[in-house]
PDB file of N, CA and C in Angstrom:
ATOM      1  N   MET A   1       3.453 -32.672   4.857  1.00  0.00           N
ATOM      2  CA  MET A   1       3.512 -31.049   4.506  1.00  0.00           C
ATOM      3  C   MET A   1       4.132 -30.265   5.473  1.00  0.00           C
ATOM      4  N   LYS A   2       4.407 -29.143   4.729  1.00  0.00           N
ATOM      5  CA  LYS A   2       5.210 -28.243   5.480  1.00  0.00           C
ATOM      6  C   LYS A   2       4.123 -26.834   5.712  1.00  0.00           C
ATOM      7  N   VAL A   3       4.161 -26.666   7.278  1.00  0.00           N
ATOM      8  CA  VAL A   3       3.081 -25.394   7.608  1.00  0.00           C
ATOM      9  C   VAL A   3       3.956 -24.535   8.254  1.00  0.00           C
ATOM     10  N   LEU A   4       3.677 -23.253   7.954  1.00  0.00           N
ATOM     11  CA  LEU A   4       4.026 -22.189   8.582  1.00  0.00           C
ATOM     12  C   LEU A   4       3.162 -21.503   9.099  1.00  0.00           C
ATOM     13  N   VAL A   5       2.943 -21.249  10.667  1.00  0.00           N
ATOM     14  CA  VAL A   5       2.077 -20.650  11.367  1.00  0.00           C
ATOM     15  C   VAL A   5       2.430 -19.324  11.766  1.00  0.00           C
ATOM     16  N   VAL A   6       1.666 -18.153  11.457  1.00  0.00           N
ATOM     17  CA  VAL A   6       2.129 -16.978  11.846  1.00  0.00           C
ATOM     18  C   VAL A   6       0.975 -16.264  12.704  1.00  0.00           C
ATOM     19  N   HIS A   7       1.771 -15.618  13.823  1.00  0.00           N
ATOM     20  CA  HIS A   7       0.779 -15.356  15.096  1.00  0.00           C
ATOM     21  C   HIS A   7       1.768 -14.204  15.669  1.00  0.00           C
ATOM     22  N   ASN A   8       0.852 -13.199  16.352  1.00  0.00           N
ATOM     23  CA  ASN A   8       1.321 -12.383  17.188  1.00  0.00           C
ATOM     24  C   ASN A   8       0.647 -12.589  18.332  1.00  0.00           C
ATOM     25  N   ARG A   9       1.717 -13.040  19.429  1.00  0.00           N
ATOM     26  CA  ARG A   9       1.217 -13.453  20.612  1.00  0.00           C
ATOM     27  C   ARG A   9       0.432 -12.315  21.746  1.00  0.00           C
ATOM     28  N   TYR A  10      -0.377 -12.582  22.213  1.00  0.00           N
ATOM     29  CA  TYR A  10      -1.029 -11.371  23.125  1.00  0.00           C
ATOM     30  C   TYR A  10      -0.115 -11.403  24.354  1.00  0.00           C
ATOM     31  N   ARG A  11      -0.106 -10.335  25.156  1.00  0.00           N
ATOM     32  CA  ARG A  11       0.545 -10.045  26.332  1.00  0.00           C
ATOM     33  C   ARG A  11       0.524 -11.358  27.373  1.00  0.00           C
ATOM     34  N   SER A  12       1.276 -11.693  28.185  1.00  0.00           N
ATOM     35  CA  SER A  12       0.948 -12.720  29.181  1.00  0.00           C
ATOM     36  C   SER A  12       0.201 -12.301  30.164  1.00  0.00           C
ATOM     37  N   GLU A  13       0.000 -10.883  30.522  1.00  0.00           N
ATOM     38  CA  GLU A  13      -0.969 -10.418  31.660  1.00  0.00           C
ATOM     39  C   GLU A  13      -2.410 -10.629  31.120  1.00  0.00           C
ATOM     40  N   GLN A  14      -2.439 -10.737  29.889  1.00  0.00           N
ATOM     41  CA  GLN A  14      -3.627 -10.745  29.130  1.00  0.00           C
ATOM     42  C   GLN A  14      -3.964 -12.382  28.847  1.00  0.00           C
ATOM     43  N   PRO A  15      -4.264 -13.149  29.358  1.00  0.00           N
ATOM     44  CA  PRO A  15      -4.337 -14.648  28.670  1.00  0.00           C
ATOM     45  C   PRO A  15      -5.218 -14.703  27.622  1.00  0.00           C
ATOM     46  N   SER A  16      -4.809 -15.558  26.584  1.00  0.00           N
ATOM     47  CA  SER A  16      -5.560 -15.327  25.191  1.00  0.00           C
ATOM     48  C   SER A  16      -5.907 -16.835  25.109  1.00  0.00           C
ATOM     49  N   GLY A  17      -7.367 -16.864  24.733  1.00  0.00           N
ATOM     50  CA  GLY A  17      -7.579 -18.334  24.046  1.00  0.00           C
ATOM     51  C   GLY A  17      -7.115 -18.348  22.633  1.00  0.00           C
ATOM     52  N   GLU A  18      -6.617 -17.268  21.843  1.00  0.00           N
ATOM     53  CA  GLU A  18      -6.238 -17.409  20.745  1.00  0.00           C
ATOM     54  C   GLU A  18      -4.792 -18.061  20.625  1.00  0.00           C
ATOM     55  N   ASN A  19      -4.117 -17.509  21.662  1.00  0.00           N
ATOM     56  CA  ASN A  19      -2.634 -18.162  21.975  1.00  0.00           C
ATOM     57  C   ASN A  19      -2.942 -19.717  22.063  1.00  0.00           C
ATOM     58  N   ASN A  20      -3.639 -20.129  22.784  1.00  0.00           N
ATOM     59  CA  ASN A  20      -4.042 -21.650  23.244  1.00  0.00           C
ATOM     60  C   ASN A  20      -4.414 -21.959  22.027  1.00  0.00           C
ATOM     61  N   VAL A  21      -5.020 -21.666  20.997  1.00  0.00           N
ATOM     62  CA  VAL A  21      -5.442 -22.464  19.868  1.00  0.00           C
ATOM     63  C   VAL A  21      -4.277 -22.687  19.039  1.00  0.00           C
ATOM     64  N   VAL A  22      -3.418 -21.590  18.921  1.00  0.00           N
ATOM     65  CA  VAL A  22      -2.450 -21.697  18.121  1.00  0.00           C
ATOM     66  C   VAL A  22      -1.360 -22.861  18.509  1.00  0.00           C
ATOM     67  N   ASP A  23      -1.264 -22.995  19.895  1.00  0.00           N
ATOM     68  CA  ASP A  23      -0.166 -23.947  20.427  1.00  0.00           C
ATOM     69  C   ASP A  23      -0.718 -24.984  20.130  1.00  0.00           C
ATOM     70  N   ALA A  24      -2.270 -25.306  20.356  1.00  0.00           N
ATOM     71  CA  ALA A  24      -2.870 -26.646  20.204  1.00  0.00           C
ATOM     72  C   ALA A  24      -2.693 -27.054  18.664  1.00  0.00           C
ATOM     73  N   GLU A  25      -2.995 -26.036  17.747  1.00  0.00           N
ATOM     74  CA  GLU A  25      -2.840 -26.335  16.388  1.00  0.00           C
ATOM     75  C   GLU A  25      -1.446 -26.904  16.169  1.00  0.00           C
ATOM     76  N   VAL A  26      -0.445 -26.073  16.476  1.00  0.00           N
ATOM     77  CA  VAL A  26       1.033 -26.455  16.329  1.00  0.00           C
ATOM     78  C   VAL A  26       1.086 -28.038  16.801  1.00  0.00           C
ATOM     79  N   THR A  27       0.762 -28.144  17.954  1.00  0.00           N
ATOM     80  CA  THR A  27       1.056 -29.694  18.512  1.00  0.00           C
ATOM     81  C   THR A  27       0.261 -30.794  17.621  1.00  0.00           C
ATOM     82  N   LEU A  28      -0.958 -30.365  17.290  1.00  0.00           N
ATOM     83  CA  LEU A  28      -1.868 -31.322  16.462  1.00  0.00           C
ATOM     84  C   LEU A  28      -1.261 -31.733  15.136  1.00  0.00           C
ATOM     85  N   LEU A  29      -0.567 -30.673  14.636  1.00  0.00           N
ATOM     86  CA  LEU A  29      -0.018 -30.876  13.250  1.00  0.00           C
ATOM     87  C   LEU A  29       0.929 -31.528  13.162  1.00  0.00           C
ATOM     88  N   ASP A  30       1.864 -31.047  14.457  1.00  0.00           N
ATOM     89  CA  ASP A  30       3.226 -31.918  14.584  1.00  0.00           C
ATOM     90  C   ASP A  30       2.767 -33.231  14.910  1.00  0.00           C
ATOM     91  N   GLU A  31       2.138 -33.562  15.606  1.00  0.00           N
ATOM     92  CA  GLU A  31       1.522 -35.064  16.019  1.00  0.00           C
ATOM     93  C   GLU A  31       1.091 -35.853  14.901  1.00  0.00           C
ATOM     94  N   GLY A  32       0.617 -35.006  13.799  1.00  0.00           N
ATOM     95  CA  GLY A  32      -0.042 -35.740  12.866  1.00  0.00           C
ATOM     96  C   GLY A  32       0.920 -35.864  11.636  1.00  0.00           C
ATOM     97  N   GLY A  33       2.295 -35.638  11.844  1.00  0.00           N
ATOM     98  CA  GLY A  33       3.353 -35.595  10.915  1.00  0.00           C
ATOM     99  C   GLY A  33       3.847 -34.527   9.933  1.00  0.00           C
ATOM    100  N   HIS A  34       3.055 -33.440  10.299  1.00  0.00           N
ATOM    101  CA  HIS A  34       3.455 -32.350   9.523  1.00  0.00           C
ATOM    102  C   HIS A  34       4.699 -31.772   9.894  1.00  0.00           C
ATOM    103  N   GLN A  35       5.390 -30.784   9.211  1.00  0.00           N
ATOM    104  CA  GLN A  35       6.737 -30.327   9.342  1.00  0.00           C
ATOM    105  C   GLN A  35       5.967 -28.716   9.846  1.00  0.00           C
ATOM    106  N   VAL A  36       6.144 -28.581  10.887  1.00  0.00           N
ATOM    107  CA  VAL A  36       5.621 -27.196  11.378  1.00  0.00           C
ATOM    108  C   VAL A  36       6.587 -25.995  12.151  1.00  0.00           C
ATOM    109  N   SER A  37       6.303 -25.063  11.382  1.00  0.00           N
ATOM    110  CA  SER A  37       7.386 -23.776  11.968  1.00  0.00           C
ATOM    111  C   SER A  37       6.490 -22.704  12.218  1.00  0.00           C
ATOM    112  N   LEU A  38       7.132 -21.901  12.985  1.00  0.00           N
ATOM    113  CA  LEU A  38       6.496 -20.488  13.632  1.00  0.00           C
ATOM    114  C   LEU A  38       7.041 -19.285  12.926  1.00  0.00           C
ATOM    115  N   PHE A  39       6.229 -18.615  12.781  1.00  0.00           N
ATOM    116  CA  PHE A  39       6.960 -17.017  12.556  1.00  0.00           C
ATOM    117  C   PHE A  39       5.902 -16.109  13.507  1.00  0.00           C
ATOM    118  N   GLU A  40       6.696 -15.616  14.622  1.00  0.00           N
ATOM    119  CA  GLU A  40       5.945 -14.997  15.670  1.00  0.00           C
ATOM    120  C   GLU A  40       6.492 -13.721  16.334  1.00  0.00           C
ATOM    121  N   ARG A  41       5.645 -13.245  16.781  1.00  0.00           N
ATOM    122  CA  ARG A  41       6.086 -11.829  17.449  1.00  0.00           C
ATOM    123  C   ARG A  41       5.282 -11.803  18.787  1.00  0.00           C
ATOM    124  N   ARG A  42       5.748 -11.251  19.903  1.00  0.00           N
ATOM    125  CA  ARG A  42       5.241 -11.219  21.075  1.00  0.00           C
ATOM    126  C   ARG A  42       4.907  -9.709  21.613  1.00  0.00           C
ATOM    127  N   SER A  43       3.848  -9.607  21.938  1.00  0.00           N
ATOM    128  CA  SER A  43       3.371  -8.274  22.358  1.00  0.00           C
ATOM    129  C   SER A  43       4.070  -8.101  23.718  1.00  0.00           C
ATOM    130  N   ASP A  44       4.629  -8.966  24.675  1.00  0.00           N
ATOM    131  CA  ASP A  44       5.326  -8.828  25.793  1.00  0.00           C
ATOM    132  C   ASP A  44       6.697  -7.914  25.347  1.00  0.00           C
ATOM    133  N   ASP A  45       7.324  -8.326  24.191  1.00  0.00           N
ATOM    134  CA  ASP A  45       8.491  -7.456  23.739  1.00  0.00           C
ATOM    135  C   ASP A  45       8.368  -6.126  23.742  1.00  0.00           C
ATOM    136  N   ILE A  46       7.149  -5.523  23.464  1.00  0.00           N
ATOM    137  CA  ILE A  46       7.144  -4.063  23.372  1.00  0.00           C
ATOM    138  C   ILE A  46       7.806  -3.324  24.627  1.00  0.00           C
ATOM    139  N   ALA A  47       7.481  -3.606  25.918  1.00  0.00           N
ATOM    140  CA  ALA A  47       7.697  -3.244  26.833  1.00  0.00           C
ATOM    141  C   ALA A  47       9.204  -3.182  27.230  1.00  0.00           C
ATOM    142  N   ALA A  48       9.972  -4.027  26.582  1.00  0.00           N
ATOM    143  CA  ALA A  48      11.530  -4.013  26.517  1.00  0.00           C
ATOM    144  C   ALA A  48      12.511  -3.239  25.341  1.00  0.00           C
ATOM    145  N   MET A  49      11.629  -2.696  24.500  1.00  0.00           N
ATOM    146  CA  MET A  49      12.019  -1.896  23.522  1.00  0.00           C
ATOM    147  C   MET A  49      12.549  -0.692  23.763  1.00  0.00           C
ATOM    148  N   PRO A  50      13.434   0.050  23.108  1.00  0.00           N
ATOM    149  CA  PRO A  50      13.999   1.203  23.560  1.00  0.00           C
ATOM    150  C   PRO A  50      12.669   2.190  23.398  1.00  0.00           C
ATOM    151  N   LEU A  51      12.694   3.405  23.988  1.00  0.00           N
ATOM    152  CA  LEU A  51      11.758   4.494  23.795  1.00  0.00           C
ATOM    153  C   LEU A  51      11.316   4.836  22.499  1.00  0.00           C
ATOM    154  N   PRO A  52      12.295   5.135  21.427  1.00  0.00           N
ATOM    155  CA  PRO A  52      12.035   5.308  20.021  1.00  0.00           C
ATOM    156  C   PRO A  52      11.238   4.270  19.412  1.00  0.00           C
ATOM    157  N   ARG A  53      11.888   3.128  19.586  1.00  0.00           N
ATOM    158  CA  ARG A  53      11.019   2.069  18.718  1.00  0.00           C
ATOM    159  C   ARG A  53       9.735   1.783  19.393  1.00  0.00           C
ATOM    160  N   LYS A  54       9.608   1.768  20.703  1.00  0.00           N
ATOM    161  CA  LYS A  54       8.338   1.597  21.503  1.00  0.00           C
ATOM    162  C   LYS A  54       7.343   2.846  20.835  1.00  0.00           C
ATOM    163  N   ALA A  55       7.701   3.708  20.753  1.00  0.00           N
ATOM    164  CA  ALA A  55       7.038   4.893  20.241  1.00  0.00           C
ATOM    165  C   ALA A  55       6.400   4.572  19.119  1.00  0.00           C
ATOM    166  N   ALA A  56       7.321   3.983  18.219  1.00  0.00           N
ATOM    167  CA  ALA A  56       6.907   3.826  16.792  1.00  0.00           C
ATOM    168  C   ALA A  56       5.935   2.924  16.461  1.00  0.00           C
ATOM    169  N   VAL A  57       5.949   1.880  17.328  1.00  0.00           N
ATOM    170  CA  VAL A  57       4.826   0.750  17.376  1.00  0.00           C
ATOM    171  C   VAL A  57       3.569   1.093  16.609  1.00  0.00           C
ATOM    172  N   PRO A  58       2.781   2.107  17.334  1.00  0.00           N
ATOM    173  CA  PRO A  58       1.492   2.418  16.757  1.00  0.00           C
ATOM    174  C   PRO A  58       1.444   2.905  15.034  1.00  0.00           C
ATOM    175  N   LEU A  59       2.539   3.315  14.495  1.00  0.00           N
ATOM    176  CA  LEU A  59       2.877   3.698  13.149  1.00  0.00           C
ATOM    177  C   LEU A  59       2.951   2.361  12.423  1.00  0.00           C
ATOM    178  N   MET A  60       3.344   1.469  12.952  1.00  0.00           N
ATOM    179  CA  MET A  60       3.770   0.139  12.275  1.00  0.00           C
ATOM    180  C   MET A  60       2.655  -0.830  12.417  1.00  0.00           C
ATOM    181  N   VAL A  61       1.439  -0.596  12.987  1.00  0.00           N
ATOM    182  CA  VAL A  61       0.353  -1.472  13.012  1.00  0.00           C
ATOM    183  C   VAL A  61      -0.347  -1.524  11.801  1.00  0.00           C
ATOM    184  N   PRO A  62      -0.836  -0.373  10.958  1.00  0.00           N
ATOM    185  CA  PRO A  62      -1.180  -0.738   9.744  1.00  0.00           C
ATOM    186  C   PRO A  62      -0.406  -1.301   8.661  1.00  0.00           C
ATOM    187  N   TRP A  63       1.045  -1.102   8.661  1.00  0.00           N
ATOM    188  CA  TRP A  63       1.857  -1.638   7.643  1.00  0.00           C
ATOM    189  C   TRP A  63       3.250  -1.734   8.151  1.00  0.00           C
ATOM    190  N   ASN A  64       3.735  -3.068   8.310  1.00  0.00           N
ATOM    191  CA  ASN A  64       5.120  -3.130   8.892  1.00  0.00           C
ATOM    192  C   ASN A  64       5.984  -3.644   7.852  1.00  0.00           C
ATOM    193  N   PRO A  65       6.620  -2.873   6.872  1.00  0.00           N
ATOM    194  CA  PRO A  65       7.644  -3.294   5.890  1.00  0.00           C
ATOM    195  C   PRO A  65       8.883  -4.079   6.226  1.00  0.00           C
ATOM    196  N   ALA A  66       9.449  -3.758   7.546  1.00  0.00           N
ATOM    197  CA  ALA A  66      10.358  -4.791   8.007  1.00  0.00           C
ATOM    198  C   ALA A  66       9.923  -6.293   8.220  1.00  0.00           C
ATOM    199  N   VAL A  67       8.606  -6.271   8.709  1.00  0.00           N
ATOM    200  CA  VAL A  67       8.360  -7.531   9.010  1.00  0.00           C
ATOM    201  C   VAL A  67       7.798  -8.403   7.898  1.00  0.00           C
ATOM    202  N   ARG A  68       7.117  -7.497   7.189  1.00  0.00           N
ATOM    203  CA  ARG A  68       7.052  -8.177   5.577  1.00  0.00           C
ATOM    204  C   ARG A  68       8.105  -8.617   4.831  1.00  0.00           C
ATOM    205  N   LYS A  69       9.225  -7.898   4.933  1.00  0.00           N
ATOM    206  CA  LYS A  69      10.270  -8.513   4.336  1.00  0.00           C
ATOM    207  C   LYS A  69      11.031  -9.455   4.854  1.00  0.00           C
ATOM    208  N   GLU A  70      10.919  -9.781   6.176  1.00  0.00           N
ATOM    209  CA  GLU A  70      11.169 -10.553   6.837  1.00  0.00           C
ATOM    210  C   GLU A  70      10.796 -12.034   6.564  1.00  0.00           C
ATOM    211  N   LEU A  71       9.413 -11.907   6.633  1.00  0.00           N
ATOM    212  CA  LEU A  71       8.644 -13.061   6.372  1.00  0.00           C
ATOM    213  C   LEU A  71       8.811 -13.489   4.938  1.00  0.00           C
ATOM    214  N   ALA A  72       8.750 -12.673   3.923  1.00  0.00           N
ATOM    215  CA  ALA A  72       8.968 -12.999   2.627  1.00  0.00           C
ATOM    216  C   ALA A  72      10.203 -13.846   2.428  1.00  0.00           C
ATOM    217  N   ALA A  73      11.266 -13.482   3.059  1.00  0.00           N
ATOM    218  CA  ALA A  73      12.522 -14.071   3.186  1.00  0.00           C
ATOM    219  C   ALA A  73      12.236 -15.249   3.714  1.00  0.00           C
ATOM    220  N   ARG A  74      11.647 -15.424   4.891  1.00  0.00           N
ATOM    221  CA  ARG A  74      11.455 -16.846   5.491  1.00  0.00           C
ATOM    222  C   ARG A  74      10.616 -17.784   4.633  1.00  0.00           C
ATOM    223  N   LEU A  75       9.497 -17.176   3.705  1.00  0.00           N
ATOM    224  CA  LEU A  75       8.983 -18.052   2.690  1.00  0.00           C
ATOM    225  C   LEU A  75       9.723 -18.409   1.722  1.00  0.00           C
ATOM    226  N   ARG A  76      10.551 -17.465   1.092  1.00  0.00           N
ATOM    227  CA  ARG A  76      11.347 -18.097   0.103  1.00  0.00           C
ATOM    228  C   ARG A  76      12.358 -19.328   0.576  1.00  0.00           C
ATOM    229  N   ALA A  77      13.015 -19.030   1.596  1.00  0.00           N
ATOM    230  CA  ALA A  77      13.775 -20.231   2.341  1.00  0.00           C
ATOM    231  C   ALA A  77      12.978 -21.444   2.609  1.00  0.00           C
ATOM    232  N   SER A  78      11.986 -21.389   3.234  1.00  0.00           N
ATOM    233  CA  SER A  78      11.478 -22.491   3.685  1.00  0.00           C
ATOM    234  C   SER A  78      10.395 -23.159   2.747  1.00  0.00           C
ATOM    235  N   ARG A  79       9.738 -22.209   1.955  1.00  0.00           N
ATOM    236  CA  ARG A  79       9.065 -23.022   0.965  1.00  0.00           C
ATOM    237  C   ARG A  79       7.756 -23.648   1.440  1.00  0.00           C
ATOM    238  N   PRO A  80       7.033 -23.267   2.592  1.00  0.00           N
ATOM    239  CA  PRO A  80       5.798 -23.987   3.091  1.00  0.00           C
ATOM    240  C   PRO A  80       4.788 -24.333   2.158  1.00  0.00           C
ATOM    241  N   ASP A  81       4.171 -25.354   2.435  1.00  0.00           N
ATOM    242  CA  ASP A  81       2.851 -25.609   1.326  1.00  0.00           C
ATOM    243  C   ASP A  81       1.685 -24.977   1.959  1.00  0.00           C
ATOM    244  N   VAL A  82       1.576 -24.674   3.149  1.00  0.00           N
ATOM    245  CA  VAL A  82       0.416 -23.911   3.824  1.00  0.00           C
ATOM    246  C   VAL A  82       1.139 -22.789   4.885  1.00  0.00           C
ATOM    247  N   VAL A  83       0.365 -21.578   4.758  1.00  0.00           N
ATOM    248  CA  VAL A  83       0.781 -20.620   5.746  1.00  0.00           C
ATOM    249  C   VAL A  83      -0.627 -20.259   6.486  1.00  0.00           C
ATOM    250  N   HIS A  84      -0.662 -20.444   7.766  1.00  0.00           N
ATOM    251  CA  HIS A  84      -1.916 -19.969   8.727  1.00  0.00           C
ATOM    252  C   HIS A  84      -1.740 -18.862   9.427  1.00  0.00           C
ATOM    253  N   ILE A  85      -2.106 -17.919   9.049  1.00  0.00           N
ATOM    254  CA  ILE A  85      -2.317 -16.465   9.628  1.00  0.00           C
ATOM    255  C   ILE A  85      -3.039 -16.397  10.770  1.00  0.00           C
ATOM    256  N   HIS A  86      -3.042 -16.156  12.009  1.00  0.00           N
ATOM    257  CA  HIS A  86      -3.937 -15.989  13.216  1.00  0.00           C
ATOM    258  C   HIS A  86      -3.641 -14.507  13.400  1.00  0.00           C
ATOM    259  N   ASN A  87      -3.198 -13.987  14.447  1.00  0.00           N
ATOM    260  CA  ASN A  87      -3.378 -12.696  14.814  1.00  0.00           C
ATOM    261  C   ASN A  87      -1.999 -11.752  14.298  1.00  0.00           C
ATOM    262  N   THR A  88      -2.334 -10.485  13.894  1.00  0.00           N
ATOM    263  CA  THR A  88      -1.240  -9.900  13.243  1.00  0.00           C
ATOM    264  C   THR A  88      -0.903  -8.628  14.061  1.00  0.00           C
ATOM    265  N   PHE A  89      -1.917  -8.144  15.207  1.00  0.00           N
ATOM    266  CA  PHE A  89      -1.773  -7.046  15.838  1.00  0.00           C
ATOM    267  C   PHE A  89      -0.809  -7.103  17.013  1.00  0.00           C
ATOM    268  N   PRO A  90      -0.073  -6.424  17.461  1.00  0.00           N
ATOM    269  CA  PRO A  90       0.326  -5.207  16.700  1.00  0.00           C
ATOM    270  C   PRO A  90       1.840  -5.151  16.116  1.00  0.00           C
ATOM    271  N   LEU A  91       2.374  -6.108  16.099  1.00  0.00           N
ATOM    272  CA  LEU A  91       3.580  -6.400  15.676  1.00  0.00           C
ATOM    273  C   LEU A  91       3.953  -6.830  14.360  1.00  0.00           C
ATOM    274  N   LEU A  92       2.980  -7.635  13.765  1.00  0.00           N
ATOM    275  CA  LEU A  92       3.336  -7.995  12.397  1.00  0.00           C
ATOM    276  C   LEU A  92       2.432  -7.235  11.446  1.00  0.00           C
ATOM    277  N   SER A  93       1.415  -6.816  11.449  1.00  0.00           N
ATOM    278  CA  SER A  93       0.562  -5.859  10.691  1.00  0.00           C
ATOM    279  C   SER A  93      -0.017  -6.601   9.309  1.00  0.00           C
ATOM    280  N   PRO A  94      -1.185  -6.104   8.829  1.00  0.00           N
ATOM    281  CA  PRO A  94      -1.462  -6.764   7.892  1.00  0.00           C
ATOM    282  C   PRO A  94      -0.727  -6.914   6.466  1.00  0.00           C
ATOM    283  N   SER A  95       0.604  -6.256   6.663  1.00  0.00           N
ATOM    284  CA  SER A  95       1.384  -6.630   5.506  1.00  0.00           C
ATOM    285  C   SER A  95       2.122  -7.923   5.430  1.00  0.00           C
ATOM    286  N   VAL A  96       1.702  -8.569   6.444  1.00  0.00           N
ATOM    287  CA  VAL A  96       2.176 -10.215   6.316  1.00  0.00           C
ATOM    288  C   VAL A  96       1.184 -10.998   5.415  1.00  0.00           C
ATOM    289  N   VAL A  97      -0.141 -10.605   5.160  1.00  0.00           N
ATOM    290  CA  VAL A  97      -1.148 -11.241   4.347  1.00  0.00           C
ATOM    291  C   VAL A  97      -0.598 -10.903   2.861  1.00  0.00           C
TER     292      VAL A  97
END
């Protein structure tokens, strides 16, 4: 089975049990013989963004059309059997659902 795991990783300064769950899920699915791929964003990347892009992050939290388009292209290309969405805040947004 082809599985796409979608997740926005929490900041590394704030360790997250959810990040651990995602990592464990990917490992278990892979060990179970499934083809697993990730569609991720990392909250740590916000700090390195240019100021205008960083200022726009709160505006993209409710709906991020660029990420929605990117995920749609990924879905068309990889055709997963299952998409498992974890955290969408703040860089993915509910648009991925």
